[in-house]
Amino acid sequence: MDKTFIKDLLVRGIIGIREWEREKPQDILINITAFTDTSRAAQSDDIGDCVDYSALAKKVQAHAETSARFTVEALANDLARICLEQKGIQKVIVRVEKPGAVRFAQSAGVEIERGRDE
């Protein structure tokens, strides 16, 4: 399987369980690796045969900025579902991080892997 990826997509949204986290948007860092077969796209050189990572990033960003999830696990699962709804994506790895969430750590978060059959 080939991979299409979105690296370090920084969005701002409500996420967290504490009252102060529910009051104002905070940074959320998202990484996506989408597993797909790029051979048709390589031959046709047509965006219609590709995973459109620009369109996917917009969908992911819109959801992350408006969903107001309590946990990074729930948000990651939402984003995996959005990815798997896209034509050609068979499996996805989604990493969601909250920069500065843990003292003395650059970030904390979760990474999940989902496939069409899960």
PDB file of N, CA and C in Angstrom:
ATOM      1  N   MET A   1       0.847  -1.185   0.000  1.00  0.00           N
ATOM      2  CA  MET A   1       0.000   0.000   0.000  1.00  0.00           C
ATOM      3  C   MET A   1       0.888   1.243   0.000  1.00  0.00           C
ATOM      4  N   ASP A   2       0.483   2.205  -0.788  1.00  0.00           N
ATOM      5  CA  ASP A   2       1.159   3.493  -0.822  1.00  0.00           C
ATOM      6  C   ASP A   2       0.574   4.379   0.272  1.00  0.00           C
ATOM      7  N   LYS A   3       1.227   5.508   0.512  1.00  0.00           N
ATOM      8  CA  LYS A   3       0.779   6.387   1.585  1.00  0.00           C
ATOM      9  C   LYS A   3       0.658   7.822   1.074  1.00  0.00           C
ATOM     10  N   THR A   4      -0.418   8.457   1.459  1.00  0.00           N
ATOM     11  CA  THR A   4      -0.590   9.894   1.291  1.00  0.00           C
ATOM     12  C   THR A   4      -0.659  10.450   2.705  1.00  0.00           C
ATOM     13  N   PHE A   5       0.029  11.555   2.947  1.00  0.00           N
ATOM     14  CA  PHE A   5       0.064  12.036   4.321  1.00  0.00           C
ATOM     15  C   PHE A   5      -0.166  13.532   4.430  1.00  0.00           C
ATOM     16  N   ILE A   6      -0.643  13.920   5.594  1.00  0.00           N
ATOM     17  CA  ILE A   6      -0.770  15.316   6.000  1.00  0.00           C
ATOM     18  C   ILE A   6       0.013  15.420   7.304  1.00  0.00           C
ATOM     19  N   LYS A   7       1.027  16.269   7.305  1.00  0.00           N
ATOM     20  CA  LYS A   7       1.930  16.354   8.452  1.00  0.00           C
ATOM     21  C   LYS A   7       1.771  17.677   9.185  1.00  0.00           C
ATOM     22  N   ASP A   8       1.569  17.575  10.491  1.00  0.00           N
ATOM     23  CA  ASP A   8       1.548  18.729  11.387  1.00  0.00           C
ATOM     24  C   ASP A   8       0.512  19.789  11.000  1.00  0.00           C
ATOM     25  N   LEU A   9      -0.711  19.348  10.783  1.00  0.00           N
ATOM     26  CA  LEU A   9      -1.821  20.268  10.543  1.00  0.00           C
ATOM     27  C   LEU A   9      -2.216  20.868  11.893  1.00  0.00           C
ATOM     28  N   LEU A  10      -1.999  22.169  12.034  1.00  0.00           N
ATOM     29  CA  LEU A  10      -2.278  22.842  13.300  1.00  0.00           C
ATOM     30  C   LEU A  10      -3.628  23.552  13.199  1.00  0.00           C
ATOM     31  N   VAL A  11      -4.555  23.150  14.049  1.00  0.00           N
ATOM     32  CA  VAL A  11      -5.886  23.756  14.080  1.00  0.00           C
ATOM     33  C   VAL A  11      -6.161  24.234  15.506  1.00  0.00           C
ATOM     34  N   ARG A  12      -7.222  25.003  15.661  1.00  0.00           N
ATOM     35  CA  ARG A  12      -7.620  25.467  16.990  1.00  0.00           C
ATOM     36  C   ARG A  12      -9.062  25.065  17.239  1.00  0.00           C
ATOM     37  N   GLY A  13      -9.272  24.396  18.359  1.00  0.00           N
ATOM     38  CA  GLY A  13     -10.615  23.947  18.686  1.00  0.00           C
ATOM     39  C   GLY A  13     -10.767  23.695  20.171  1.00  0.00           C
ATOM     40  N   ILE A  14     -11.990  23.484  20.571  1.00  0.00           N
ATOM     41  CA  ILE A  14     -12.291  23.136  21.961  1.00  0.00           C
ATOM     42  C   ILE A  14     -12.038  21.649  22.126  1.00  0.00           C
ATOM     43  N   ILE A  15     -11.165  21.313  23.054  1.00  0.00           N
ATOM     44  CA  ILE A  15     -10.904  19.906  23.366  1.00  0.00           C
ATOM     45  C   ILE A  15     -10.394  19.815  24.795  1.00  0.00           C
ATOM     46  N   GLY A  16     -10.923  18.866  25.536  1.00  0.00           N
ATOM     47  CA  GLY A  16     -10.476  18.676  26.907  1.00  0.00           C
ATOM     48  C   GLY A  16     -11.642  18.466  27.851  1.00  0.00           C
ATOM     49  N   ILE A  17     -11.306  17.976  29.034  1.00  0.00           N
ATOM     50  CA  ILE A  17     -12.325  17.638  30.028  1.00  0.00           C
ATOM     51  C   ILE A  17     -12.448  18.686  31.129  1.00  0.00           C
ATOM     52  N   ARG A  18     -11.442  19.522  31.252  1.00  0.00           N
ATOM     53  CA  ARG A  18     -11.474  20.525  32.321  1.00  0.00           C
ATOM     54  C   ARG A  18     -12.291  21.741  31.887  1.00  0.00           C
ATOM     55  N   GLU A  19     -12.892  22.400  32.883  1.00  0.00           N
ATOM     56  CA  GLU A  19     -13.756  23.542  32.595  1.00  0.00           C
ATOM     57  C   GLU A  19     -13.026  24.621  31.785  1.00  0.00           C
ATOM     58  N   TRP A  20     -11.791  24.929  32.169  1.00  0.00           N
ATOM     59  CA  TRP A  20     -11.054  25.984  31.462  1.00  0.00           C
ATOM     60  C   TRP A  20     -10.737  25.580  30.018  1.00  0.00           C
ATOM     61  N   GLU A  21     -10.657  24.270  29.740  1.00  0.00           N
ATOM     62  CA  GLU A  21     -10.402  23.807  28.368  1.00  0.00           C
ATOM     63  C   GLU A  21     -11.636  23.961  27.481  1.00  0.00           C
ATOM     64  N   ARG A  22     -12.794  24.072  28.091  1.00  0.00           N
ATOM     65  CA  ARG A  22     -14.052  24.189  27.359  1.00  0.00           C
ATOM     66  C   ARG A  22     -14.385  25.652  27.034  1.00  0.00           C
ATOM     67  N   GLU A  23     -13.601  26.579  27.588  1.00  0.00           N
ATOM     68  CA  GLU A  23     -13.912  28.001  27.447  1.00  0.00           C
ATOM     69  C   GLU A  23     -13.370  28.636  26.175  1.00  0.00           C
ATOM     70  N   LYS A  24     -12.184  28.240  25.739  1.00  0.00           N
ATOM     71  CA  LYS A  24     -11.611  28.854  24.544  1.00  0.00           C
ATOM     72  C   LYS A  24     -10.816  27.829  23.742  1.00  0.00           C
ATOM     73  N   PRO A  25     -10.761  28.017  22.434  1.00  0.00           N
ATOM     74  CA  PRO A  25     -10.035  27.069  21.573  1.00  0.00           C
ATOM     75  C   PRO A  25      -8.557  26.994  21.935  1.00  0.00           C
ATOM     76  N   GLN A  26      -8.009  25.826  21.747  1.00  0.00           N
ATOM     77  CA  GLN A  26      -6.579  25.628  21.954  1.00  0.00           C
ATOM     78  C   GLN A  26      -5.987  24.907  20.754  1.00  0.00           C
ATOM     79  N   ASP A  27      -4.667  24.908  20.672  1.00  0.00           N
ATOM     80  CA  ASP A  27      -3.989  24.254  19.555  1.00  0.00           C
ATOM     81  C   ASP A  27      -4.201  22.746  19.596  1.00  0.00           C
ATOM     82  N   ILE A  28      -4.439  22.190  18.422  1.00  0.00           N
ATOM     83  CA  ILE A  28      -4.543  20.745  18.226  1.00  0.00           C
ATOM     84  C   ILE A  28      -3.671  20.427  17.016  1.00  0.00           C
ATOM     85  N   LEU A  29      -2.752  19.505  17.177  1.00  0.00           N
ATOM     86  CA  LEU A  29      -1.843  19.118  16.104  1.00  0.00           C
ATOM     87  C   LEU A  29      -2.279  17.762  15.550  1.00  0.00           C
ATOM     88  N   ILE A  30      -2.481  17.706  14.229  1.00  0.00           N
ATOM     89  CA  ILE A  30      -3.021  16.498  13.596  1.00  0.00           C
ATOM     90  C   ILE A  30      -2.065  15.997  12.522  1.00  0.00           C
ATOM     91  N   ASN A  31      -1.816  14.689  12.544  1.00  0.00           N
ATOM     92  CA  ASN A  31      -1.047  14.017  11.499  1.00  0.00           C
ATOM     93  C   ASN A  31      -1.869  12.853  10.980  1.00  0.00           C
ATOM     94  N   ILE A  32      -1.874  12.720   9.654  1.00  0.00           N
ATOM     95  CA  ILE A  32      -2.657  11.661   9.013  1.00  0.00           C
ATOM     96  C   ILE A  32      -1.783  10.935   8.001  1.00  0.00           C
ATOM     97  N   THR A  33      -1.804   9.618   8.059  1.00  0.00           N
ATOM     98  CA  THR A  33      -1.205   8.786   7.021  1.00  0.00           C
ATOM     99  C   THR A  33      -2.323   7.930   6.455  1.00  0.00           C
ATOM    100  N   ALA A  34      -2.623   8.150   5.180  1.00  0.00           N
ATOM    101  CA  ALA A  34      -3.704   7.416   4.506  1.00  0.00           C
ATOM    102  C   ALA A  34      -3.088   6.394   3.562  1.00  0.00           C
ATOM    103  N   PHE A  35      -3.486   5.153   3.711  1.00  0.00           N
ATOM    104  CA  PHE A  35      -2.969   4.075   2.875  1.00  0.00           C
ATOM    105  C   PHE A  35      -3.883   3.899   1.670  1.00  0.00           C
ATOM    106  N   THR A  36      -3.287   3.929   0.493  1.00  0.00           N
ATOM    107  CA  THR A  36      -4.041   3.884  -0.750  1.00  0.00           C
ATOM    108  C   THR A  36      -3.162   3.295  -1.849  1.00  0.00           C
ATOM    109  N   ASP A  37      -3.740   3.001  -2.970  1.00  0.00           N
ATOM    110  CA  ASP A  37      -2.985   2.535  -4.138  1.00  0.00           C
ATOM    111  C   ASP A  37      -2.862   3.717  -5.098  1.00  0.00           C
ATOM    112  N   THR A  38      -1.655   4.194  -5.300  1.00  0.00           N
ATOM    113  CA  THR A  38      -1.446   5.365  -6.155  1.00  0.00           C
ATOM    114  C   THR A  38      -1.094   5.003  -7.598  1.00  0.00           C
ATOM    115  N   SER A  39      -1.101   3.733  -7.951  1.00  0.00           N
ATOM    116  CA  SER A  39      -0.650   3.333  -9.290  1.00  0.00           C
ATOM    117  C   SER A  39      -1.523   3.917 -10.402  1.00  0.00           C
ATOM    118  N   ARG A  40      -2.832   3.939 -10.214  1.00  0.00           N
ATOM    119  CA  ARG A  40      -3.718   4.519 -11.234  1.00  0.00           C
ATOM    120  C   ARG A  40      -3.442   6.018 -11.389  1.00  0.00           C
ATOM    121  N   ALA A  41      -3.308   6.711 -10.272  1.00  0.00           N
ATOM    122  CA  ALA A  41      -3.018   8.148 -10.304  1.00  0.00           C
ATOM    123  C   ALA A  41      -1.672   8.425 -10.970  1.00  0.00           C
ATOM    124  N   ALA A  42      -0.712   7.560 -10.721  1.00  0.00           N
ATOM    125  CA  ALA A  42       0.610   7.742 -11.330  1.00  0.00           C
ATOM    126  C   ALA A  42       0.542   7.613 -12.847  1.00  0.00           C
ATOM    127  N   GLN A  43      -0.305   6.726 -13.328  1.00  0.00           N
ATOM    128  CA  GLN A  43      -0.434   6.538 -14.778  1.00  0.00           C
ATOM    129  C   GLN A  43      -1.288   7.625 -15.423  1.00  0.00           C
ATOM    130  N   SER A  44      -2.384   7.990 -14.775  1.00  0.00           N
ATOM    131  CA  SER A  44      -3.312   8.947 -15.387  1.00  0.00           C
ATOM    132  C   SER A  44      -2.877  10.401 -15.188  1.00  0.00           C
ATOM    133  N   ASP A  45      -2.130  10.662 -14.119  1.00  0.00           N
ATOM    134  CA  ASP A  45      -1.723  12.018 -13.754  1.00  0.00           C
ATOM    135  C   ASP A  45      -2.945  12.920 -13.595  1.00  0.00           C
ATOM    136  N   ASP A  46      -4.029  12.333 -13.042  1.00  0.00           N
ATOM    137  CA  ASP A  46      -5.312  13.014 -12.899  1.00  0.00           C
ATOM    138  C   ASP A  46      -5.678  13.079 -11.411  1.00  0.00           C
ATOM    139  N   ILE A  47      -5.985  14.272 -10.922  1.00  0.00           N
ATOM    140  CA  ILE A  47      -6.341  14.440  -9.516  1.00  0.00           C
ATOM    141  C   ILE A  47      -7.546  13.591  -9.125  1.00  0.00           C
ATOM    142  N   GLY A  48      -8.396  13.274 -10.080  1.00  0.00           N
ATOM    143  CA  GLY A  48      -9.559  12.428  -9.815  1.00  0.00           C
ATOM    144  C   GLY A  48      -9.195  11.022  -9.377  1.00  0.00           C
ATOM    145  N   ASP A  49      -7.968  10.612  -9.671  1.00  0.00           N
ATOM    146  CA  ASP A  49      -7.483   9.291  -9.269  1.00  0.00           C
ATOM    147  C   ASP A  49      -6.614   9.347  -8.015  1.00  0.00           C
ATOM    148  N   CYS A  50      -6.483  10.520  -7.440  1.00  0.00           N
ATOM    149  CA  CYS A  50      -5.634  10.728  -6.260  1.00  0.00           C
ATOM    150  C   CYS A  50      -6.492  10.907  -5.005  1.00  0.00           C
ATOM    151  N   VAL A  51      -5.859  10.733  -3.856  1.00  0.00           N
ATOM    152  CA  VAL A  51      -6.451  11.200  -2.611  1.00  0.00           C
ATOM    153  C   VAL A  51      -6.153  12.694  -2.586  1.00  0.00           C
ATOM    154  N   ASP A  52      -7.178  13.504  -2.580  1.00  0.00           N
ATOM    155  CA  ASP A  52      -7.019  14.959  -2.600  1.00  0.00           C
ATOM    156  C   ASP A  52      -6.718  15.415  -1.169  1.00  0.00           C
ATOM    157  N   TYR A  53      -5.433  15.521  -0.842  1.00  0.00           N
ATOM    158  CA  TYR A  53      -5.065  15.841   0.533  1.00  0.00           C
ATOM    159  C   TYR A  53      -5.455  17.254   0.936  1.00  0.00           C
ATOM    160  N   SER A  54      -5.587  18.155  -0.024  1.00  0.00           N
ATOM    161  CA  SER A  54      -6.040  19.514   0.294  1.00  0.00           C
ATOM    162  C   SER A  54      -7.504  19.491   0.755  1.00  0.00           C
ATOM    163  N   ALA A  55      -8.347  18.794   0.012  1.00  0.00           N
ATOM    164  CA  ALA A  55      -9.764  18.675   0.383  1.00  0.00           C
ATOM    165  C   ALA A  55      -9.912  17.925   1.708  1.00  0.00           C
ATOM    166  N   LEU A  56      -9.106  16.879   1.895  1.00  0.00           N
ATOM    167  CA  LEU A  56      -9.164  16.104   3.133  1.00  0.00           C
ATOM    168  C   LEU A  56      -8.749  16.977   4.320  1.00  0.00           C
ATOM    169  N   ALA A  57      -7.700  17.753   4.166  1.00  0.00           N
ATOM    170  CA  ALA A  57      -7.240  18.636   5.247  1.00  0.00           C
ATOM    171  C   ALA A  57      -8.328  19.628   5.639  1.00  0.00           C
ATOM    172  N   LYS A  58      -9.056  20.152   4.660  1.00  0.00           N
ATOM    173  CA  LYS A  58     -10.135  21.100   4.953  1.00  0.00           C
ATOM    174  C   LYS A  58     -11.252  20.438   5.757  1.00  0.00           C
ATOM    175  N   LYS A  59     -11.596  19.198   5.410  1.00  0.00           N
ATOM    176  CA  LYS A  59     -12.644  18.479   6.143  1.00  0.00           C
ATOM    177  C   LYS A  59     -12.200  18.189   7.576  1.00  0.00           C
ATOM    178  N   VAL A  60     -10.962  17.740   7.713  1.00  0.00           N
ATOM    179  CA  VAL A  60     -10.407  17.434   9.030  1.00  0.00           C
ATOM    180  C   VAL A  60     -10.361  18.701   9.891  1.00  0.00           C
ATOM    181  N   GLN A  61      -9.868  19.779   9.310  1.00  0.00           N
ATOM    182  CA  GLN A  61      -9.774  21.044  10.035  1.00  0.00           C
ATOM    183  C   GLN A  61     -11.148  21.523  10.477  1.00  0.00           C
ATOM    184  N   ALA A  62     -12.107  21.507   9.577  1.00  0.00           N
ATOM    185  CA  ALA A  62     -13.461  21.962   9.905  1.00  0.00           C
ATOM    186  C   ALA A  62     -14.041  21.155  11.064  1.00  0.00           C
ATOM    187  N   HIS A  63     -13.846  19.837  11.041  1.00  0.00           N
ATOM    188  CA  HIS A  63     -14.399  18.999  12.116  1.00  0.00           C
ATOM    189  C   HIS A  63     -13.680  19.274  13.438  1.00  0.00           C
ATOM    190  N   ALA A  64     -12.359  19.320  13.396  1.00  0.00           N
ATOM    191  CA  ALA A  64     -11.594  19.530  14.628  1.00  0.00           C
ATOM    192  C   ALA A  64     -11.906  20.879  15.269  1.00  0.00           C
ATOM    193  N   GLU A  65     -12.180  21.877  14.444  1.00  0.00           N
ATOM    194  CA  GLU A  65     -12.453  23.215  14.965  1.00  0.00           C
ATOM    195  C   GLU A  65     -13.870  23.373  15.507  1.00  0.00           C
ATOM    196  N   THR A  66     -14.783  22.484  15.144  1.00  0.00           N
ATOM    197  CA  THR A  66     -16.183  22.656  15.543  1.00  0.00           C
ATOM    198  C   THR A  66     -16.763  21.537  16.406  1.00  0.00           C
ATOM    199  N   SER A  67     -16.077  20.413  16.530  1.00  0.00           N
ATOM    200  CA  SER A  67     -16.676  19.255  17.209  1.00  0.00           C
ATOM    201  C   SER A  67     -16.707  19.371  18.728  1.00  0.00           C
ATOM    202  N   ALA A  68     -15.801  20.134  19.312  1.00  0.00           N
ATOM    203  CA  ALA A  68     -15.751  20.336  20.772  1.00  0.00           C
ATOM    204  C   ALA A  68     -15.757  19.013  21.530  1.00  0.00           C
ATOM    205  N   ARG A  69     -14.895  18.100  21.123  1.00  0.00           N
ATOM    206  CA  ARG A  69     -14.804  16.794  21.799  1.00  0.00           C
ATOM    207  C   ARG A  69     -14.121  16.944  23.154  1.00  0.00           C
ATOM    208  N   PHE A  70     -14.409  16.026  24.040  1.00  0.00           N
ATOM    209  CA  PHE A  70     -13.787  16.021  25.356  1.00  0.00           C
ATOM    210  C   PHE A  70     -12.417  15.340  25.315  1.00  0.00           C
ATOM    211  N   THR A  71     -12.276  14.292  24.502  1.00  0.00           N
ATOM    212  CA  THR A  71     -11.020  13.530  24.495  1.00  0.00           C
ATOM    213  C   THR A  71     -10.371  13.513  23.114  1.00  0.00           C
ATOM    214  N   VAL A  72      -9.041  13.385  23.132  1.00  0.00           N
ATOM    215  CA  VAL A  72      -8.313  13.256  21.864  1.00  0.00           C
ATOM    216  C   VAL A  72      -8.652  11.922  21.205  1.00  0.00           C
ATOM    217  N   GLU A  73      -8.994  10.921  22.004  1.00  0.00           N
ATOM    218  CA  GLU A  73      -9.386   9.625  21.455  1.00  0.00           C
ATOM    219  C   GLU A  73     -10.637   9.745  20.596  1.00  0.00           C
ATOM    220  N   ALA A  74     -11.628  10.459  21.098  1.00  0.00           N
ATOM    221  CA  ALA A  74     -12.871  10.643  20.340  1.00  0.00           C
ATOM    222  C   ALA A  74     -12.618  11.440  19.067  1.00  0.00           C
ATOM    223  N   LEU A  75     -11.818  12.503  19.160  1.00  0.00           N
ATOM    224  CA  LEU A  75     -11.527  13.305  17.979  1.00  0.00           C
ATOM    225  C   LEU A  75     -10.751  12.495  16.953  1.00  0.00           C
ATOM    226  N   ALA A  76      -9.771  11.731  17.390  1.00  0.00           N
ATOM    227  CA  ALA A  76      -8.998  10.900  16.463  1.00  0.00           C
ATOM    228  C   ALA A  76      -9.894   9.906  15.737  1.00  0.00           C
ATOM    229  N   ASN A  77     -10.823   9.304  16.457  1.00  0.00           N
ATOM    230  CA  ASN A  77     -11.740   8.353  15.835  1.00  0.00           C
ATOM    231  C   ASN A  77     -12.644   9.045  14.811  1.00  0.00           C
ATOM    232  N   ASP A  78     -13.131  10.237  15.147  1.00  0.00           N
ATOM    233  CA  ASP A  78     -13.922  11.019  14.187  1.00  0.00           C
ATOM    234  C   ASP A  78     -13.130  11.269  12.904  1.00  0.00           C
ATOM    235  N   LEU A  79     -11.884  11.689  13.067  1.00  0.00           N
ATOM    236  CA  LEU A  79     -11.057  12.041  11.912  1.00  0.00           C
ATOM    237  C   LEU A  79     -10.731  10.808  11.073  1.00  0.00           C
ATOM    238  N   ALA A  80     -10.528   9.665  11.720  1.00  0.00           N
ATOM    239  CA  ALA A  80     -10.305   8.423  10.977  1.00  0.00           C
ATOM    240  C   ALA A  80     -11.520   8.079  10.125  1.00  0.00           C
ATOM    241  N   ARG A  81     -12.708   8.252  10.696  1.00  0.00           N
ATOM    242  CA  ARG A  81     -13.939   7.984   9.953  1.00  0.00           C
ATOM    243  C   ARG A  81     -14.056   8.904   8.736  1.00  0.00           C
ATOM    244  N   ILE A  82     -13.754  10.173   8.922  1.00  0.00           N
ATOM    245  CA  ILE A  82     -13.789  11.125   7.810  1.00  0.00           C
ATOM    246  C   ILE A  82     -12.821  10.703   6.712  1.00  0.00           C
ATOM    247  N   CYS A  83     -11.637  10.275   7.096  1.00  0.00           N
ATOM    248  CA  CYS A  83     -10.635   9.833   6.111  1.00  0.00           C
ATOM    249  C   CYS A  83     -11.120   8.610   5.337  1.00  0.00           C
ATOM    250  N   LEU A  84     -11.681   7.654   6.055  1.00  0.00           N
ATOM    251  CA  LEU A  84     -12.114   6.407   5.414  1.00  0.00           C
ATOM    252  C   LEU A  84     -13.337   6.600   4.519  1.00  0.00           C
ATOM    253  N   GLU A  85     -14.010   7.725   4.650  1.00  0.00           N
ATOM    254  CA  GLU A  85     -15.122   8.043   3.748  1.00  0.00           C
ATOM    255  C   GLU A  85     -14.615   8.528   2.381  1.00  0.00           C
ATOM    256  N   GLN A  86     -13.328   8.856   2.303  1.00  0.00           N
ATOM    257  CA  GLN A  86     -12.763   9.365   1.056  1.00  0.00           C
ATOM    258  C   GLN A  86     -12.452   8.217   0.096  1.00  0.00           C
ATOM    259  N   LYS A  87     -12.709   8.455  -1.168  1.00  0.00           N
ATOM    260  CA  LYS A  87     -12.459   7.453  -2.203  1.00  0.00           C
ATOM    261  C   LYS A  87     -10.989   7.033  -2.193  1.00  0.00           C
ATOM    262  N   GLY A  88     -10.773   5.732  -2.178  1.00  0.00           N
ATOM    263  CA  GLY A  88      -9.431   5.189  -2.317  1.00  0.00           C
ATOM    264  C   GLY A  88      -8.658   4.936  -1.041  1.00  0.00           C
ATOM    265  N   ILE A  89      -9.096   5.494   0.068  1.00  0.00           N
ATOM    266  CA  ILE A  89      -8.372   5.270   1.326  1.00  0.00           C
ATOM    267  C   ILE A  89      -8.841   3.964   1.940  1.00  0.00           C
ATOM    268  N   GLN A  90      -7.900   3.037   2.118  1.00  0.00           N
ATOM    269  CA  GLN A  90      -8.213   1.716   2.659  1.00  0.00           C
ATOM    270  C   GLN A  90      -7.945   1.605   4.164  1.00  0.00           C
ATOM    271  N   LYS A  91      -6.925   2.358   4.610  1.00  0.00           N
ATOM    272  CA  LYS A  91      -6.533   2.322   6.016  1.00  0.00           C
ATOM    273  C   LYS A  91      -5.961   3.689   6.353  1.00  0.00           C
ATOM    274  N   VAL A  92      -6.028   4.069   7.624  1.00  0.00           N
ATOM    275  CA  VAL A  92      -5.523   5.375   8.026  1.00  0.00           C
ATOM    276  C   VAL A  92      -4.907   5.306   9.417  1.00  0.00           C
ATOM    277  N   ILE A  93      -3.858   6.072   9.594  1.00  0.00           N
ATOM    278  CA  ILE A  93      -3.281   6.296  10.921  1.00  0.00           C
ATOM    279  C   ILE A  93      -3.497   7.775  11.225  1.00  0.00           C
ATOM    280  N   VAL A  94      -4.134   8.043  12.355  1.00  0.00           N
ATOM    281  CA  VAL A  94      -4.422   9.415  12.759  1.00  0.00           C
ATOM    282  C   VAL A  94      -3.760   9.664  14.108  1.00  0.00           C
ATOM    283  N   ARG A  95      -3.022  10.753  14.173  1.00  0.00           N
ATOM    284  CA  ARG A  95      -2.369  11.162  15.416  1.00  0.00           C
ATOM    285  C   ARG A  95      -2.912  12.535  15.796  1.00  0.00           C
ATOM    286  N   VAL A  96      -3.436  12.654  17.009  1.00  0.00           N
ATOM    287  CA  VAL A  96      -3.962  13.911  17.522  1.00  0.00           C
ATOM    288  C   VAL A  96      -3.183  14.262  18.782  1.00  0.00           C
ATOM    289  N   GLU A  97      -2.617  15.470  18.789  1.00  0.00           N
ATOM    290  CA  GLU A  97      -1.807  15.907  19.925  1.00  0.00           C
ATOM    291  C   GLU A  97      -2.295  17.242  20.458  1.00  0.00           C
ATOM    292  N   LYS A  98      -2.119  17.416  21.758  1.00  0.00           N
ATOM    293  CA  LYS A  98      -2.378  18.704  22.404  1.00  0.00           C
ATOM    294  C   LYS A  98      -1.023  19.255  22.853  1.00  0.00           C
ATOM    295  N   PRO A  99      -0.474  20.194  22.089  1.00  0.00           N
ATOM    296  CA  PRO A  99       0.813  20.789  22.479  1.00  0.00           C
ATOM    297  C   PRO A  99       0.706  21.465  23.849  1.00  0.00           C
ATOM    298  N   GLY A 100       1.697  21.215  24.689  1.00  0.00           N
ATOM    299  CA  GLY A 100       1.731  21.851  26.001  1.00  0.00           C
ATOM    300  C   GLY A 100       0.760  21.294  27.016  1.00  0.00           C
ATOM    301  N   ALA A 101       0.099  20.188  26.723  1.00  0.00           N
ATOM    302  CA  ALA A 101      -0.897  19.638  27.644  1.00  0.00           C
ATOM    303  C   ALA A 101      -0.282  19.046  28.913  1.00  0.00           C
ATOM    304  N   VAL A 102       0.962  18.605  28.790  1.00  0.00           N
ATOM    305  CA  VAL A 102       1.648  18.006  29.934  1.00  0.00           C
ATOM    306  C   VAL A 102       2.895  18.835  30.229  1.00  0.00           C
ATOM    307  N   ARG A 103       3.042  19.231  31.464  1.00  0.00           N
ATOM    308  CA  ARG A 103       4.189  20.040  31.870  1.00  0.00           C
ATOM    309  C   ARG A 103       5.498  19.332  31.523  1.00  0.00           C
ATOM    310  N   PHE A 104       6.411  20.065  30.941  1.00  0.00           N
ATOM    311  CA  PHE A 104       7.745  19.609  30.540  1.00  0.00           C
ATOM    312  C   PHE A 104       7.729  18.692  29.319  1.00  0.00           C
ATOM    313  N   ALA A 105       6.579  18.511  28.692  1.00  0.00           N
ATOM    314  CA  ALA A 105       6.488  17.714  27.466  1.00  0.00           C
ATOM    315  C   ALA A 105       6.064  18.632  26.324  1.00  0.00           C
ATOM    316  N   GLN A 106       6.575  18.367  25.137  1.00  0.00           N
ATOM    317  CA  GLN A 106       6.195  19.170  23.977  1.00  0.00           C
ATOM    318  C   GLN A 106       4.713  19.002  23.655  1.00  0.00           C
ATOM    319  N   SER A 107       4.213  17.770  23.763  1.00  0.00           N
ATOM    320  CA  SER A 107       2.795  17.513  23.525  1.00  0.00           C
ATOM    321  C   SER A 107       2.414  16.161  24.108  1.00  0.00           C
ATOM    322  N   ALA A 108       1.115  15.919  24.136  1.00  0.00           N
ATOM    323  CA  ALA A 108       0.569  14.620  24.544  1.00  0.00           C
ATOM    324  C   ALA A 108      -0.615  14.336  23.635  1.00  0.00           C
ATOM    325  N   GLY A 109      -0.886  13.063  23.400  1.00  0.00           N
ATOM    326  CA  GLY A 109      -2.003  12.745  22.522  1.00  0.00           C
ATOM    327  C   GLY A 109      -2.172  11.263  22.313  1.00  0.00           C
ATOM    328  N   VAL A 110      -2.751  10.946  21.168  1.00  0.00           N
ATOM    329  CA  VAL A 110      -3.055   9.561  20.848  1.00  0.00           C
ATOM    330  C   VAL A 110      -2.837   9.338  19.355  1.00  0.00           C
ATOM    331  N   GLU A 111      -2.483   8.113  19.015  1.00  0.00           N
ATOM    332  CA  GLU A 111      -2.366   7.704  17.612  1.00  0.00           C
ATOM    333  C   GLU A 111      -3.179   6.432  17.436  1.00  0.00           C
ATOM    334  N   ILE A 112      -4.067   6.454  16.440  1.00  0.00           N
ATOM    335  CA  ILE A 112      -4.912   5.288  16.191  1.00  0.00           C
ATOM    336  C   ILE A 112      -4.747   4.830  14.753  1.00  0.00           C
ATOM    337  N   GLU A 113      -5.090   3.587  14.520  1.00  0.00           N
ATOM    338  CA  GLU A 113      -5.066   3.001  13.167  1.00  0.00           C
ATOM    339  C   GLU A 113      -6.418   2.369  12.913  1.00  0.00           C
ATOM    340  N   ARG A 114      -7.028   2.720  11.796  1.00  0.00           N
ATOM    341  CA  ARG A 114      -8.332   2.171  11.435  1.00  0.00           C
ATOM    342  C   ARG A 114      -8.332   1.780   9.961  1.00  0.00           C
ATOM    343  N   GLY A 115      -9.094   0.734   9.663  1.00  0.00           N
ATOM    344  CA  GLY A 115      -9.252   0.293   8.282  1.00  0.00           C
ATOM    345  C   GLY A 115     -10.716   0.238   7.903  1.00  0.00           C
ATOM    346  N   ARG A 116     -10.964   0.054   6.641  1.00  0.00           N
ATOM    347  CA  ARG A 116     -12.355   0.006   6.167  1.00  0.00           C
ATOM    348  C   ARG A 116     -13.136  -1.149   6.792  1.00  0.00           C
ATOM    349  N   ASP A 117     -12.458  -2.214   7.168  1.00  0.00           N
ATOM    350  CA  ASP A 117     -13.134  -3.387   7.703  1.00  0.00           C
ATOM    351  C   ASP A 117     -13.346  -3.302   9.209  1.00  0.00           C
ATOM    352  N   GLU A 118     -12.926  -2.204   9.855  1.00  0.00           N
ATOM    353  CA  GLU A 118     -13.054  -2.084  11.320  1.00  0.00           C
ATOM    354  C   GLU A 118     -14.212  -1.222  11.710  1.00  0.00           C
TER     355      GLU A 118
END
